[in-house]
Amino acid sequence: AEEVTRWVARGSELAERAIERAATRVAELRSQLRALSPLATLERGYAIVQREHDGVLVNPEQAPAGTPLRITLAEGRLGATSRGAVGDAE
């Protein structure tokens, strides 16, 4: 009976350590996911610009003058219309 009690206690210890390791790993993954989240990017002051009914823009040629745009900010969205590509000085 004493040996069974020891094995049960040992099993409990091992299970507890495994749960602690798993919880630590979940916290690490959650932190990494948060850092990679588009929302985290928006909260740092960046915006995501899309054509109104299409994907994310990565270059100005994707939105010639007159193209309706949707701009996503950390706390909402804006509608806009492209004026076309502009130079770096503007």
PDB file of N, CA and C in Angstrom:
ATOM      1  N   ALA A   1       0.829  -1.195   0.000  1.00  0.00           N
ATOM      2  CA  ALA A   1       0.000   0.000   0.000  1.00  0.00           C
ATOM      3  C   ALA A   1       0.871   1.256   0.000  1.00  0.00           C
ATOM      4  N   GLU A   2       1.963   1.192   0.777  1.00  0.00           N
ATOM      5  CA  GLU A   2       2.855   2.357   0.834  1.00  0.00           C
ATOM      6  C   GLU A   2       3.512   2.618  -0.523  1.00  0.00           C
ATOM      7  N   GLU A   3       3.873   1.546  -1.201  1.00  0.00           N
ATOM      8  CA  GLU A   3       4.494   1.691  -2.520  1.00  0.00           C
ATOM      9  C   GLU A   3       3.509   2.282  -3.530  1.00  0.00           C
ATOM     10  N   VAL A   4       2.268   1.856  -3.458  1.00  0.00           N
ATOM     11  CA  VAL A   4       1.234   2.402  -4.348  1.00  0.00           C
ATOM     12  C   VAL A   4       1.068   3.888  -4.086  1.00  0.00           C
ATOM     13  N   THR A   5       1.064   4.270  -2.828  1.00  0.00           N
ATOM     14  CA  THR A   5       0.940   5.684  -2.463  1.00  0.00           C
ATOM     15  C   THR A   5       2.101   6.488  -3.037  1.00  0.00           C
ATOM     16  N   ARG A   6       3.315   5.937  -2.949  1.00  0.00           N
ATOM     17  CA  ARG A   6       4.484   6.629  -3.520  1.00  0.00           C
ATOM     18  C   ARG A   6       4.341   6.783  -5.031  1.00  0.00           C
ATOM     19  N   TRP A   7       3.898   5.720  -5.705  1.00  0.00           N
ATOM     20  CA  TRP A   7       3.741   5.786  -7.164  1.00  0.00           C
ATOM     21  C   TRP A   7       2.659   6.799  -7.558  1.00  0.00           C
ATOM     22  N   VAL A   8       1.602   6.842  -6.795  1.00  0.00           N
ATOM     23  CA  VAL A   8       0.538   7.821  -7.068  1.00  0.00           C
ATOM     24  C   VAL A   8       1.082   9.235  -6.887  1.00  0.00           C
ATOM     25  N   ALA A   9       1.836   9.454  -5.810  1.00  0.00           N
ATOM     26  CA  ALA A   9       2.423  10.780  -5.562  1.00  0.00           C
ATOM     27  C   ALA A   9       3.396  11.144  -6.678  1.00  0.00           C
ATOM     28  N   ARG A  10       4.217  10.179  -7.080  1.00  0.00           N
ATOM     29  CA  ARG A  10       5.183  10.428  -8.167  1.00  0.00           C
ATOM     30  C   ARG A  10       4.449  10.743  -9.469  1.00  0.00           C
ATOM     31  N   GLY A  11       3.402   9.997  -9.754  1.00  0.00           N
ATOM     32  CA  GLY A  11       2.604  10.259 -10.955  1.00  0.00           C
ATOM     33  C   GLY A  11       1.989  11.645 -10.926  1.00  0.00           C
ATOM     34  N   SER A  12       1.521  12.046  -9.764  1.00  0.00           N
ATOM     35  CA  SER A  12       0.943  13.387  -9.615  1.00  0.00           C
ATOM     36  C   SER A  12       1.988  14.468  -9.861  1.00  0.00           C
ATOM     37  N   GLU A  13       3.190  14.257  -9.308  1.00  0.00           N
ATOM     38  CA  GLU A  13       4.282  15.224  -9.528  1.00  0.00           C
ATOM     39  C   GLU A  13       4.607  15.352 -11.010  1.00  0.00           C
ATOM     40  N   LEU A  14       4.744  14.212 -11.674  1.00  0.00           N
ATOM     41  CA  LEU A  14       5.079  14.232 -13.102  1.00  0.00           C
ATOM     42  C   LEU A  14       3.984  14.908 -13.921  1.00  0.00           C
ATOM     43  N   ALA A  15       2.741  14.614 -13.592  1.00  0.00           N
ATOM     44  CA  ALA A  15       1.626  15.235 -14.304  1.00  0.00           C
ATOM     45  C   ALA A  15       1.618  16.742 -14.078  1.00  0.00           C
ATOM     46  N   GLU A  16       1.870  17.148 -12.839  1.00  0.00           N
ATOM     47  CA  GLU A  16       1.892  18.577 -12.518  1.00  0.00           C
ATOM     48  C   GLU A  16       2.996  19.297 -13.295  1.00  0.00           C
ATOM     49  N   ARG A  17       4.180  18.689 -13.357  1.00  0.00           N
ATOM     50  CA  ARG A  17       5.282  19.298 -14.121  1.00  0.00           C
ATOM     51  C   ARG A  17       4.955  19.379 -15.605  1.00  0.00           C
ATOM     52  N   ALA A  18       4.343  18.332 -16.130  1.00  0.00           N
ATOM     53  CA  ALA A  18       3.971  18.332 -17.550  1.00  0.00           C
ATOM     54  C   ALA A  18       2.960  19.439 -17.834  1.00  0.00           C
ATOM     55  N   ILE A  19       2.016  19.620 -16.937  1.00  0.00           N
ATOM     56  CA  ILE A  19       1.014  20.685 -17.101  1.00  0.00           C
ATOM     57  C   ILE A  19       1.677  22.052 -17.024  1.00  0.00           C
ATOM     58  N   GLU A  20       2.611  22.233 -16.096  1.00  0.00           N
ATOM     59  CA  GLU A  20       3.327  23.511 -15.982  1.00  0.00           C
ATOM     60  C   GLU A  20       4.118  23.809 -17.253  1.00  0.00           C
ATOM     61  N   ARG A  21       4.812  22.783 -17.792  1.00  0.00           N
ATOM     62  CA  ARG A  21       5.572  22.980 -19.033  1.00  0.00           C
ATOM     63  C   ARG A  21       4.645  23.331 -20.189  1.00  0.00           C
ATOM     64  N   ALA A  22       3.513  22.644 -20.256  1.00  0.00           N
ATOM     65  CA  ALA A  22       2.552  22.921 -21.321  1.00  0.00           C
ATOM     66  C   ALA A  22       1.998  24.339 -21.191  1.00  0.00           C
ATOM     67  N   ALA A  23       1.697  24.770 -19.974  1.00  0.00           N
ATOM     68  CA  ALA A  23       1.180  26.125 -19.758  1.00  0.00           C
ATOM     69  C   ALA A  23       2.217  27.168 -20.150  1.00  0.00           C
ATOM     70  N   THR A  24       3.478  26.910 -19.832  1.00  0.00           N
ATOM     71  CA  THR A  24       4.553  27.830 -20.224  1.00  0.00           C
ATOM     72  C   THR A  24       4.654  27.910 -21.734  1.00  0.00           C
ATOM     73  N   ARG A  25       4.577  26.759 -22.391  1.00  0.00           N
ATOM     74  CA  ARG A  25       4.662  26.729 -23.861  1.00  0.00           C
ATOM     75  C   ARG A  25       3.481  27.459 -24.492  1.00  0.00           C
ATOM     76  N   VAL A  26       2.294  27.283 -23.948  1.00  0.00           N
ATOM     77  CA  VAL A  26       1.113  27.990 -24.455  1.00  0.00           C
ATOM     78  C   VAL A  26       1.303  29.497 -24.305  1.00  0.00           C
ATOM     79  N   ALA A  27       1.822  29.941 -23.177  1.00  0.00           N
ATOM     80  CA  ALA A  27       2.067  31.373 -22.964  1.00  0.00           C
ATOM     81  C   ALA A  27       3.086  31.899 -23.969  1.00  0.00           C
ATOM     82  N   GLU A  28       4.142  31.127 -24.238  1.00  0.00           N
ATOM     83  CA  GLU A  28       5.146  31.543 -25.227  1.00  0.00           C
ATOM     84  C   GLU A  28       4.529  31.656 -26.613  1.00  0.00           C
ATOM     85  N   LEU A  29       3.742  30.656 -27.004  1.00  0.00           N
ATOM     86  CA  LEU A  29       3.104  30.675 -28.324  1.00  0.00           C
ATOM     87  C   LEU A  29       2.099  31.814 -28.438  1.00  0.00           C
ATOM     88  N   ARG A  30       1.370  32.077 -27.363  1.00  0.00           N
ATOM     89  CA  ARG A  30       0.406  33.182 -27.364  1.00  0.00           C
ATOM     90  C   ARG A  30       1.134  34.513 -27.575  1.00  0.00           C
ATOM     91  N   SER A  31       2.274  34.675 -26.924  1.00  0.00           N
ATOM     92  CA  SER A  31       3.069  35.892 -27.075  1.00  0.00           C
ATOM     93  C   SER A  31       3.575  36.042 -28.510  1.00  0.00           C
ATOM     94  N   GLN A  32       4.057  34.949 -29.091  1.00  0.00           N
ATOM     95  CA  GLN A  32       4.522  34.997 -30.478  1.00  0.00           C
ATOM     96  C   GLN A  32       3.382  35.322 -31.426  1.00  0.00           C
ATOM     97  N   LEU A  33       2.241  34.713 -31.204  1.00  0.00           N
ATOM     98  CA  LEU A  33       1.079  34.958 -32.052  1.00  0.00           C
ATOM     99  C   LEU A  33       0.642  36.411 -31.959  1.00  0.00           C
ATOM    100  N   ARG A  34       0.641  36.955 -30.754  1.00  0.00           N
ATOM    101  CA  ARG A  34       0.268  38.354 -30.552  1.00  0.00           C
ATOM    102  C   ARG A  34       1.226  39.280 -31.305  1.00  0.00           C
ATOM    103  N   ALA A  35       2.515  38.963 -31.268  1.00  0.00           N
ATOM    104  CA  ALA A  35       3.516  39.791 -31.955  1.00  0.00           C
ATOM    105  C   ALA A  35       3.334  39.755 -33.465  1.00  0.00           C
ATOM    106  N   LEU A  36       2.864  38.644 -33.993  1.00  0.00           N
ATOM    107  CA  LEU A  36       2.686  38.502 -35.440  1.00  0.00           C
ATOM    108  C   LEU A  36       1.308  38.940 -35.923  1.00  0.00           C
ATOM    109  N   SER A  37       0.428  39.209 -35.014  1.00  0.00           N
ATOM    110  CA  SER A  37      -0.945  39.556 -35.362  1.00  0.00           C
ATOM    111  C   SER A  37      -1.024  40.873 -36.128  1.00  0.00           C
ATOM    112  N   PRO A  38      -1.839  40.926 -37.175  1.00  0.00           N
ATOM    113  CA  PRO A  38      -2.057  42.210 -37.860  1.00  0.00           C
ATOM    114  C   PRO A  38      -2.591  43.279 -36.906  1.00  0.00           C
ATOM    115  N   LEU A  39      -3.379  42.877 -35.930  1.00  0.00           N
ATOM    116  CA  LEU A  39      -3.907  43.843 -34.965  1.00  0.00           C
ATOM    117  C   LEU A  39      -2.782  44.497 -34.180  1.00  0.00           C
ATOM    118  N   ALA A  40      -1.750  43.741 -33.828  1.00  0.00           N
ATOM    119  CA  ALA A  40      -0.606  44.322 -33.117  1.00  0.00           C
ATOM    120  C   ALA A  40       0.080  45.369 -33.985  1.00  0.00           C
ATOM    121  N   THR A  41       0.165  45.094 -35.264  1.00  0.00           N
ATOM    122  CA  THR A  41       0.749  46.062 -36.200  1.00  0.00           C
ATOM    123  C   THR A  41      -0.089  47.335 -36.223  1.00  0.00           C
ATOM    124  N   LEU A  42      -1.398  47.181 -36.283  1.00  0.00           N
ATOM    125  CA  LEU A  42      -2.288  48.343 -36.301  1.00  0.00           C
ATOM    126  C   LEU A  42      -2.165  49.142 -35.010  1.00  0.00           C
ATOM    127  N   GLU A  43      -2.037  48.460 -33.892  1.00  0.00           N
ATOM    128  CA  GLU A  43      -1.926  49.148 -32.607  1.00  0.00           C
ATOM    129  C   GLU A  43      -0.629  49.935 -32.482  1.00  0.00           C
ATOM    130  N   ARG A  44       0.358  49.622 -33.315  1.00  0.00           N
ATOM    131  CA  ARG A  44       1.606  50.397 -33.324  1.00  0.00           C
ATOM    132  C   ARG A  44       1.493  51.616 -34.250  1.00  0.00           C
ATOM    133  N   GLY A  45       0.320  51.827 -34.848  1.00  0.00           N
ATOM    134  CA  GLY A  45       0.107  53.021 -35.647  1.00  0.00           C
ATOM    135  C   GLY A  45       0.126  52.806 -37.147  1.00  0.00           C
ATOM    136  N   TYR A  46       0.288  51.588 -37.579  1.00  0.00           N
ATOM    137  CA  TYR A  46       0.269  51.304 -39.011  1.00  0.00           C
ATOM    138  C   TYR A  46      -1.165  51.085 -39.470  1.00  0.00           C
ATOM    139  N   ALA A  47      -1.372  51.078 -40.776  1.00  0.00           N
ATOM    140  CA  ALA A  47      -2.690  50.837 -41.349  1.00  0.00           C
ATOM    141  C   ALA A  47      -2.570  49.760 -42.421  1.00  0.00           C
ATOM    142  N   ILE A  48      -3.679  49.084 -42.677  1.00  0.00           N
ATOM    143  CA  ILE A  48      -3.749  48.116 -43.768  1.00  0.00           C
ATOM    144  C   ILE A  48      -4.639  48.732 -44.832  1.00  0.00           C
ATOM    145  N   VAL A  49      -4.106  48.849 -46.046  1.00  0.00           N
ATOM    146  CA  VAL A  49      -4.852  49.462 -47.143  1.00  0.00           C
ATOM    147  C   VAL A  49      -5.212  48.374 -48.150  1.00  0.00           C
ATOM    148  N   GLN A  50      -6.503  48.336 -48.490  1.00  0.00           N
ATOM    149  CA  GLN A  50      -6.999  47.358 -49.453  1.00  0.00           C
ATOM    150  C   GLN A  50      -7.818  48.065 -50.515  1.00  0.00           C
ATOM    151  N   ARG A  51      -7.874  47.452 -51.698  1.00  0.00           N
ATOM    152  CA  ARG A  51      -8.879  47.907 -52.648  1.00  0.00           C
ATOM    153  C   ARG A  51     -10.212  47.521 -52.038  1.00  0.00           C
ATOM    154  N   GLU A  52     -11.239  48.250 -52.382  1.00  0.00           N
ATOM    155  CA  GLU A  52     -12.530  48.073 -51.724  1.00  0.00           C
ATOM    156  C   GLU A  52     -13.020  46.618 -51.719  1.00  0.00           C
ATOM    157  N   HIS A  53     -12.830  45.897 -52.804  1.00  0.00           N
ATOM    158  CA  HIS A  53     -13.346  44.523 -52.892  1.00  0.00           C
ATOM    159  C   HIS A  53     -12.235  43.532 -53.189  1.00  0.00           C
ATOM    160  N   ASP A  54     -11.033  43.793 -52.693  1.00  0.00           N
ATOM    161  CA  ASP A  54      -9.894  42.979 -53.094  1.00  0.00           C
ATOM    162  C   ASP A  54      -8.909  42.837 -51.949  1.00  0.00           C
ATOM    163  N   GLY A  55      -7.722  42.372 -52.252  1.00  0.00           N
ATOM    164  CA  GLY A  55      -6.707  42.122 -51.239  1.00  0.00           C
ATOM    165  C   GLY A  55      -5.921  43.350 -50.827  1.00  0.00           C
ATOM    166  N   VAL A  56      -4.966  43.110 -49.963  1.00  0.00           N
ATOM    167  CA  VAL A  56      -4.095  44.146 -49.411  1.00  0.00           C
ATOM    168  C   VAL A  56      -3.184  44.699 -50.501  1.00  0.00           C
ATOM    169  N   LEU A  57      -2.989  46.011 -50.489  1.00  0.00           N
ATOM    170  CA  LEU A  57      -2.085  46.649 -51.451  1.00  0.00           C
ATOM    171  C   LEU A  57      -0.645  46.527 -50.976  1.00  0.00           C
ATOM    172  N   VAL A  58       0.248  46.253 -51.919  1.00  0.00           N
ATOM    173  CA  VAL A  58       1.669  46.210 -51.587  1.00  0.00           C
ATOM    174  C   VAL A  58       2.478  47.181 -52.432  1.00  0.00           C
ATOM    175  N   ASN A  59       1.865  47.742 -53.475  1.00  0.00           N
ATOM    176  CA  ASN A  59       2.551  48.774 -54.251  1.00  0.00           C
ATOM    177  C   ASN A  59       1.528  49.718 -54.862  1.00  0.00           C
ATOM    178  N   PRO A  60       1.934  50.958 -55.169  1.00  0.00           N
ATOM    179  CA  PRO A  60       0.994  51.976 -55.636  1.00  0.00           C
ATOM    180  C   PRO A  60       0.338  51.648 -56.975  1.00  0.00           C
ATOM    181  N   GLU A  61       0.986  50.837 -57.786  1.00  0.00           N
ATOM    182  CA  GLU A  61       0.408  50.501 -59.087  1.00  0.00           C
ATOM    183  C   GLU A  61      -0.892  49.703 -58.947  1.00  0.00           C
ATOM    184  N   GLN A  62      -1.113  49.135 -57.795  1.00  0.00           N
ATOM    185  CA  GLN A  62      -2.338  48.374 -57.563  1.00  0.00           C
ATOM    186  C   GLN A  62      -3.550  49.278 -57.337  1.00  0.00           C
ATOM    187  N   ALA A  63      -3.320  50.570 -57.187  1.00  0.00           N
ATOM    188  CA  ALA A  63      -4.425  51.496 -56.915  1.00  0.00           C
ATOM    189  C   ALA A  63      -4.266  52.756 -57.745  1.00  0.00           C
ATOM    190  N   PRO A  64      -4.523  52.670 -59.053  1.00  0.00           N
ATOM    191  CA  PRO A  64      -4.448  53.878 -59.867  1.00  0.00           C
ATOM    192  C   PRO A  64      -5.483  54.908 -59.400  1.00  0.00           C
ATOM    193  N   ALA A  65      -5.319  56.134 -59.836  1.00  0.00           N
ATOM    194  CA  ALA A  65      -6.225  57.217 -59.438  1.00  0.00           C
ATOM    195  C   ALA A  65      -7.672  56.785 -59.632  1.00  0.00           C
ATOM    196  N   GLY A  66      -8.481  57.098 -58.628  1.00  0.00           N
ATOM    197  CA  GLY A  66      -9.900  56.784 -58.679  1.00  0.00           C
ATOM    198  C   GLY A  66     -10.274  55.442 -58.062  1.00  0.00           C
ATOM    199  N   THR A  67      -9.293  54.636 -57.683  1.00  0.00           N
ATOM    200  CA  THR A  67      -9.578  53.323 -57.088  1.00  0.00           C
ATOM    201  C   THR A  67     -10.144  53.501 -55.678  1.00  0.00           C
ATOM    202  N   PRO A  68     -11.333  52.927 -55.410  1.00  0.00           N
ATOM    203  CA  PRO A  68     -11.867  52.990 -54.046  1.00  0.00           C
ATOM    204  C   PRO A  68     -11.020  52.123 -53.111  1.00  0.00           C
ATOM    205  N   LEU A  69     -10.730  52.653 -51.940  1.00  0.00           N
ATOM    206  CA  LEU A  69      -9.874  51.957 -50.980  1.00  0.00           C
ATOM    207  C   LEU A  69     -10.583  51.797 -49.642  1.00  0.00           C
ATOM    208  N   ARG A  70     -10.158  50.785 -48.913  1.00  0.00           N
ATOM    209  CA  ARG A  70     -10.612  50.590 -47.535  1.00  0.00           C
ATOM    210  C   ARG A  70      -9.351  50.586 -46.677  1.00  0.00           C
ATOM    211  N   ILE A  71      -9.298  51.453 -45.679  1.00  0.00           N
ATOM    212  CA  ILE A  71      -8.134  51.578 -44.804  1.00  0.00           C
ATOM    213  C   ILE A  71      -8.539  51.090 -43.417  1.00  0.00           C
ATOM    214  N   THR A  72      -7.835  50.075 -42.936  1.00  0.00           N
ATOM    215  CA  THR A  72      -8.132  49.509 -41.620  1.00  0.00           C
ATOM    216  C   THR A  72      -7.125  50.040 -40.609  1.00  0.00           C
ATOM    217  N   LEU A  73      -7.648  50.629 -39.542  1.00  0.00           N
ATOM    218  CA  LEU A  73      -6.840  51.163 -38.442  1.00  0.00           C
ATOM    219  C   LEU A  73      -7.088  50.301 -37.207  1.00  0.00           C
ATOM    220  N   ALA A  74      -6.371  50.547 -36.156  1.00  0.00           N
ATOM    221  CA  ALA A  74      -6.542  49.758 -34.933  1.00  0.00           C
ATOM    222  C   ALA A  74      -7.969  49.855 -34.396  1.00  0.00           C
ATOM    223  N   GLU A  75      -8.601  51.002 -34.575  1.00  0.00           N
ATOM    224  CA  GLU A  75      -9.924  51.200 -33.987  1.00  0.00           C
ATOM    225  C   GLU A  75     -10.982  51.558 -35.013  1.00  0.00           C
ATOM    226  N   GLY A  76     -10.906  50.993 -36.203  1.00  0.00           N
ATOM    227  CA  GLY A  76     -11.953  51.235 -37.183  1.00  0.00           C
ATOM    228  C   GLY A  76     -11.436  51.249 -38.603  1.00  0.00           C
ATOM    229  N   ARG A  77     -12.326  51.624 -39.507  1.00  0.00           N
ATOM    230  CA  ARG A  77     -11.988  51.654 -40.929  1.00  0.00           C
ATOM    231  C   ARG A  77     -12.339  53.002 -41.530  1.00  0.00           C
ATOM    232  N   LEU A  78     -11.628  53.321 -42.594  1.00  0.00           N
ATOM    233  CA  LEU A  78     -11.895  54.527 -43.366  1.00  0.00           C
ATOM    234  C   LEU A  78     -12.116  54.128 -44.817  1.00  0.00           C
ATOM    235  N   GLY A  79     -12.960  54.879 -45.501  1.00  0.00           N
ATOM    236  CA  GLY A  79     -13.080  54.740 -46.943  1.00  0.00           C
ATOM    237  C   GLY A  79     -12.251  55.850 -47.565  1.00  0.00           C
ATOM    238  N   ALA A  80     -11.632  55.568 -48.691  1.00  0.00           N
ATOM    239  CA  ALA A  80     -10.802  56.577 -49.359  1.00  0.00           C
ATOM    240  C   ALA A  80     -10.804  56.295 -50.853  1.00  0.00           C
ATOM    241  N   THR A  81     -10.295  57.248 -51.597  1.00  0.00           N
ATOM    242  CA  THR A  81     -10.128  57.087 -53.035  1.00  0.00           C
ATOM    243  C   THR A  81      -8.691  57.428 -53.374  1.00  0.00           C
ATOM    244  N   SER A  82      -8.048  56.556 -54.132  1.00  0.00           N
ATOM    245  CA  SER A  82      -6.647  56.774 -54.505  1.00  0.00           C
ATOM    246  C   SER A  82      -6.515  57.969 -55.437  1.00  0.00           C
ATOM    247  N   ARG A  83      -5.438  58.723 -55.245  1.00  0.00           N
ATOM    248  CA  ARG A  83      -5.082  59.788 -56.181  1.00  0.00           C
ATOM    249  C   ARG A  83      -3.975  59.308 -57.105  1.00  0.00           C
ATOM    250  N   GLY A  84      -3.657  58.023 -57.035  1.00  0.00           N
ATOM    251  CA  GLY A  84      -2.576  57.458 -57.836  1.00  0.00           C
ATOM    252  C   GLY A  84      -1.267  57.557 -57.085  1.00  0.00           C
ATOM    253  N   ALA A  85      -0.228  57.021 -57.686  1.00  0.00           N
ATOM    254  CA  ALA A  85       1.099  57.033 -57.065  1.00  0.00           C
ATOM    255  C   ALA A  85       1.597  58.462 -56.916  1.00  0.00           C
ATOM    256  N   VAL A  86       2.292  58.716 -55.823  1.00  0.00           N
ATOM    257  CA  VAL A  86       2.896  60.030 -55.589  1.00  0.00           C
ATOM    258  C   VAL A  86       4.388  59.836 -55.362  1.00  0.00           C
ATOM    259  N   GLY A  87       5.170  60.880 -55.595  1.00  0.00           N
ATOM    260  CA  GLY A  87       6.614  60.807 -55.382  1.00  0.00           C
ATOM    261  C   GLY A  87       6.959  60.813 -53.910  1.00  0.00           C
ATOM    262  N   ASP A  88       8.204  60.505 -53.605  1.00  0.00           N
ATOM    263  CA  ASP A  88       8.662  60.479 -52.214  1.00  0.00           C
ATOM    264  C   ASP A  88       8.607  61.850 -51.553  1.00  0.00           C
ATOM    265  N   ALA A  89       8.691  62.921 -52.332  1.00  0.00           N
ATOM    266  CA  ALA A  89       8.717  64.277 -51.781  1.00  0.00           C
ATOM    267  C   ALA A  89       7.345  64.718 -51.289  1.00  0.00           C
ATOM    268  N   GLU A  90       6.294  64.053 -51.704  1.00  0.00           N
ATOM    269  CA  GLU A  90       4.946  64.491 -51.324  1.00  0.00           C
ATOM    270  C   GLU A  90       4.501  63.933 -50.012  1.00  0.00           C
TER     271      GLU A  90
END
